[in-house]
């Protein structure tokens, strides 16, 4: 993003009033610019494939339940075709399996439509950095959903310190925040993150966060 440009956002929701409300929310922060809207997942995919004036969005607010194509299916396809795009799932549904499906499809965060404008912008700021942002209720739903489908397994040979770093990543902490929390250098944190990615055979911090939830290591109480 250049100094004069905002983060370009596409809003995907089948309700006109919801899209209008989201536009109003996002106007509160000059860093964000709504450049496109879609009424369902297929519409969003078609627009991306056709090319959006001014270039593709960097962020997407995706509704979960929509006609024609829902948010999970659309997210899977969009992440395959535009892996650099960050998707925040915005929904009224807090069912365990839906949360799991959205995150596994590639959504950075899962946010309920009951959040405030400030909380929504916070989630988008996190998405820009690839940092998952979830409320306590969403985190609990993710953990329950992953436990239902996971089996007990080895911990990939992680050290106690690596597990500490992993849990803090799952809480959405940045490298600096982890360094401050554990009283270690940022360079050391980066080394631990690299080791975690290698040992767990994962590609990014979001996948590490999901891994921690799947193992049942994240406290939900």
Protein backbone atom coordinates (compact mmCIF):
# COMPACT_ATOMS: atom_id res chain seq x y z
CA UNK A 1 0.00 0.00 0.00
CA UNK A 2 1.40 3.39 -0.93
CA UNK A 3 1.25 6.41 1.32
CA UNK A 4 -1.73 7.84 -0.59
CA UNK A 5 -3.79 4.70 -1.09
CA UNK A 6 -6.06 2.78 1.22
CA UNK A 7 -6.49 -0.93 1.50
CA UNK A 8 -8.92 -1.88 -1.24
CA UNK A 9 -11.91 -3.89 0.01
CA UNK A 10 -14.67 -5.90 -1.63
CA UNK A 11 -17.86 -6.46 0.39
CA UNK A 12 -19.71 -9.70 -0.35
CA UNK A 13 -23.21 -9.97 1.15
CA UNK A 14 -26.63 -10.73 -0.27
CA UNK A 15 -28.37 -7.92 1.64
CA UNK A 16 -28.18 -4.39 0.24
CA UNK A 17 -28.67 -2.81 3.67
CA UNK A 18 -25.84 -4.82 5.18
CA UNK A 19 -23.46 -3.74 2.41
CA UNK A 20 -24.54 -0.12 2.91
CA UNK A 21 -23.96 -0.39 6.65
CA UNK A 22 -20.52 -1.89 6.13
CA UNK A 23 -19.58 0.90 3.74
CA UNK A 24 -20.57 3.40 6.42
CA UNK A 25 -18.50 1.54 9.04
CA UNK A 26 -15.44 1.50 6.83
CA UNK A 27 -15.69 5.21 6.07
CA UNK A 28 -14.63 5.75 9.70
CA UNK A 29 -11.08 4.73 8.81
CA UNK A 30 -9.29 6.43 5.88
CA UNK A 31 -6.99 3.42 5.47
CA UNK A 32 -9.83 1.41 3.92
CA UNK A 33 -11.49 1.96 0.55
CA UNK A 34 -14.48 -0.05 -0.67
CA UNK A 35 -13.90 -0.59 -4.39
CA UNK A 36 -16.42 -3.35 -5.17
CA UNK A 37 -19.48 -5.17 -3.88
CA UNK A 38 -21.00 -8.56 -4.68
CA UNK A 39 -24.35 -10.16 -3.80
CA UNK A 40 -23.00 -13.71 -3.42
CA UNK A 41 -19.86 -15.80 -3.71
CA UNK A 42 -20.25 -16.53 -7.41
CA UNK A 43 -20.76 -12.84 -8.13
CA UNK A 44 -17.53 -12.04 -6.27
CA UNK A 45 -15.59 -14.69 -8.21
CA UNK A 46 -16.99 -13.48 -11.54
CA UNK A 47 -16.00 -9.88 -10.79
CA UNK A 48 -12.48 -10.88 -9.78
CA UNK A 49 -12.06 -12.94 -12.92
CA UNK A 50 -13.40 -10.14 -15.13
CA UNK A 51 -11.09 -7.61 -13.51
CA UNK A 52 -12.08 -4.81 -11.17
CA UNK A 53 -11.33 -1.21 -12.22
CA UNK A 54 -8.35 0.04 -10.24
CA UNK A 55 -7.05 -3.44 -9.60
CA UNK A 56 -8.13 -6.34 -7.38
CA UNK A 57 -8.99 -5.84 -3.70
CA UNK A 58 -6.51 -6.73 -1.00
CA UNK A 59 -9.20 -7.43 1.59
CA UNK A 60 -12.64 -9.03 1.40
CA UNK A 61 -15.52 -9.00 3.87
CA UNK A 62 -17.37 -12.24 3.10
CA UNK A 63 -20.84 -13.18 4.31
CA UNK A 64 -21.22 -16.85 5.23
CA UNK A 65 -24.76 -17.80 4.15
CA UNK A 66 -25.70 -16.55 0.66
CA UNK A 67 -27.72 -17.84 -2.30
CA UNK A 68 -26.00 -19.22 -5.44
CA UNK A 69 -22.68 -19.75 -3.64
CA UNK A 70 -21.97 -19.45 0.09
CA UNK A 71 -18.98 -17.82 1.72
CA UNK A 72 -17.05 -21.01 2.47
CA UNK A 73 -17.16 -22.33 -1.09
CA UNK A 74 -16.35 -18.90 -2.50
CA UNK A 75 -13.43 -18.51 -0.10
CA UNK A 76 -11.93 -21.82 -1.22
CA UNK A 77 -12.02 -20.80 -4.87
CA UNK A 78 -10.86 -17.23 -4.29
CA UNK A 79 -7.91 -18.34 -2.17
CA UNK A 80 -6.83 -20.70 -4.95
CA UNK A 81 -7.00 -17.97 -7.57
CA UNK A 82 -5.94 -15.01 -5.40
CA UNK A 83 -3.84 -16.41 -2.53
CA UNK A 84 -2.61 -12.96 -1.58
CA UNK A 85 -6.13 -11.73 -0.82
CA UNK A 86 -7.12 -11.62 2.87
CA UNK A 87 -10.67 -12.71 3.64
CA UNK A 88 -12.58 -11.88 6.83
CA UNK A 89 -15.75 -13.94 7.26
CA UNK A 90 -18.55 -11.75 8.63
CA UNK A 91 -21.66 -13.63 9.71
CA UNK A 92 -24.53 -14.02 12.13
CA UNK A 93 -23.85 -17.75 12.59
CA UNK A 94 -21.74 -19.18 15.41
CA UNK A 95 -22.00 -22.89 14.70
CA UNK A 96 -18.84 -24.87 15.47
CA UNK A 97 -18.60 -26.57 12.08
CA UNK A 98 -19.22 -23.35 10.16
CA UNK A 99 -16.37 -21.62 12.00
CA UNK A 100 -14.02 -24.53 11.26
CA UNK A 101 -15.08 -24.68 7.60
CA UNK A 102 -14.51 -20.94 7.13
CA UNK A 103 -11.03 -20.98 8.67
CA UNK A 104 -9.99 -24.11 6.82
CA UNK A 105 -11.23 -22.59 3.57
CA UNK A 106 -8.70 -19.80 4.06
CA UNK A 107 -10.47 -17.00 5.96
CA UNK A 108 -8.06 -15.06 8.16
CA UNK A 109 -10.72 -14.25 10.74
CA UNK A 110 -14.33 -15.08 11.58
CA UNK A 111 -16.27 -12.07 12.88
CA UNK A 112 -19.89 -11.84 14.02
CA UNK A 113 -22.15 -9.12 12.61
CA UNK A 114 -22.84 -7.96 16.16
CA UNK A 115 -19.36 -6.41 16.47
CA UNK A 116 -18.91 -2.67 16.68
CA UNK A 117 -17.40 -0.58 13.89
CA UNK A 118 -14.18 -0.33 15.91
CA UNK A 119 -14.01 -4.11 16.36
CA UNK A 120 -14.59 -4.67 12.65
CA UNK A 121 -11.81 -2.26 11.71
CA UNK A 122 -9.54 -3.96 14.26
CA UNK A 123 -10.20 -7.30 12.57
CA UNK A 124 -9.44 -5.81 9.16
CA UNK A 125 -6.20 -4.29 10.44
CA UNK A 126 -5.29 -7.73 11.74
CA UNK A 127 -6.15 -9.32 8.40
CA UNK A 128 -3.82 -6.92 6.60
CA UNK A 129 -1.00 -8.39 8.69
CA UNK A 130 -2.27 -11.95 8.33
CA UNK A 131 -3.14 -12.02 12.03
CA UNK A 132 -6.33 -13.91 12.98
CA UNK A 133 -8.76 -11.92 15.11
CA UNK A 134 -11.55 -13.80 16.87
CA UNK A 135 -13.80 -13.06 19.80
CA UNK A 136 -13.86 -15.43 22.76
CA UNK A 137 -17.12 -17.04 21.54
CA UNK A 138 -15.69 -17.65 18.06
CA UNK A 139 -12.47 -19.05 19.50
CA UNK A 140 -14.49 -21.47 21.63
CA UNK A 141 -16.55 -22.58 18.63
CA UNK A 142 -13.39 -23.15 16.59
CA UNK A 143 -11.83 -25.22 19.34
CA UNK A 144 -14.96 -27.35 19.82
CA UNK A 145 -15.33 -27.91 16.09
CA UNK A 146 -11.72 -28.95 15.62
CA UNK A 147 -11.81 -31.27 18.62
CA UNK A 148 -14.82 -33.05 17.15
CA UNK A 149 -12.93 -33.99 14.01
CA UNK A 150 -9.41 -34.35 15.35
CA UNK A 151 -7.68 -37.35 16.85
CA UNK A 152 -4.95 -37.30 19.42
CA UNK A 153 -1.51 -37.24 17.89
CA UNK A 154 2.08 -36.38 18.57
CA UNK A 155 3.09 -32.82 19.26
CA UNK A 156 5.58 -32.82 16.37
CA UNK A 157 8.48 -32.70 18.84
CA UNK A 158 7.80 -29.12 19.93
CA UNK A 159 9.76 -27.73 22.85
CA UNK A 160 7.97 -26.14 25.79
CA UNK A 161 9.05 -22.69 24.58
CA UNK A 162 7.80 -23.39 21.07
CA UNK A 163 4.43 -24.42 22.52
CA UNK A 164 4.33 -21.16 24.48
CA UNK A 165 4.97 -19.18 21.31
CA UNK A 166 2.38 -21.24 19.43
CA UNK A 167 -0.31 -20.53 22.01
CA UNK A 168 0.42 -16.79 21.91
CA UNK A 169 0.21 -16.87 18.11
CA UNK A 170 -3.20 -18.55 18.50
CA UNK A 171 -4.23 -15.62 20.71
CA UNK A 172 -3.40 -13.25 17.86
CA UNK A 173 -0.23 -11.74 19.31
CA UNK A 174 2.39 -10.15 17.06
CA UNK A 175 6.09 -11.08 17.26
CA UNK A 176 6.76 -7.97 19.36
CA UNK A 177 3.92 -8.76 21.76
CA UNK A 178 5.18 -12.33 22.13
CA UNK A 179 8.71 -11.07 22.76
CA UNK A 180 7.43 -8.73 25.48
CA UNK A 181 5.25 -11.44 27.03
CA UNK A 182 8.05 -14.03 27.20
CA UNK A 183 10.88 -11.53 27.84
CA UNK A 184 12.86 -12.67 24.79
CA UNK A 185 14.09 -10.85 21.70
CA UNK A 186 12.02 -10.45 18.54
CA UNK A 187 14.79 -12.30 16.67
CA UNK A 188 14.33 -15.26 19.02
CA UNK A 189 10.56 -15.18 18.47
CA UNK A 190 11.08 -15.24 14.70
CA UNK A 191 13.35 -18.26 15.09
CA UNK A 192 10.69 -20.08 17.13
CA UNK A 193 8.03 -19.21 14.53
CA UNK A 194 10.23 -20.56 11.73
CA UNK A 195 10.84 -23.76 13.69
CA UNK A 196 7.12 -24.15 14.35
CA UNK A 197 6.28 -23.77 10.67
CA UNK A 198 8.92 -26.34 9.75
CA UNK A 199 8.02 -28.90 12.43
CA UNK A 200 4.28 -28.60 11.88
CA UNK A 201 4.72 -28.52 8.09
CA UNK A 202 2.60 -25.37 7.80
CA UNK A 203 2.93 -22.21 5.75
CA UNK A 204 1.80 -19.25 7.85
CA UNK A 205 0.71 -17.96 11.27
CA UNK A 206 -3.00 -18.49 10.59
CA UNK A 207 -2.38 -22.19 9.99
CA UNK A 208 -0.34 -22.34 13.20
CA UNK A 209 -3.26 -20.83 15.11
CA UNK A 210 -5.65 -23.41 13.64
CA UNK A 211 -3.13 -26.17 14.50
CA UNK A 212 -3.08 -25.07 18.16
CA UNK A 213 -6.88 -25.12 18.29
CA UNK A 214 -7.01 -28.52 16.60
CA UNK A 215 -4.65 -29.97 19.20
CA UNK A 216 -6.91 -28.62 21.95
CA UNK A 217 -4.10 -26.59 23.48
CA UNK A 218 -5.94 -23.26 23.46
CA UNK A 219 -7.76 -22.41 26.67
CA UNK A 220 -11.45 -21.67 26.14
CA UNK A 221 -12.50 -20.97 29.67
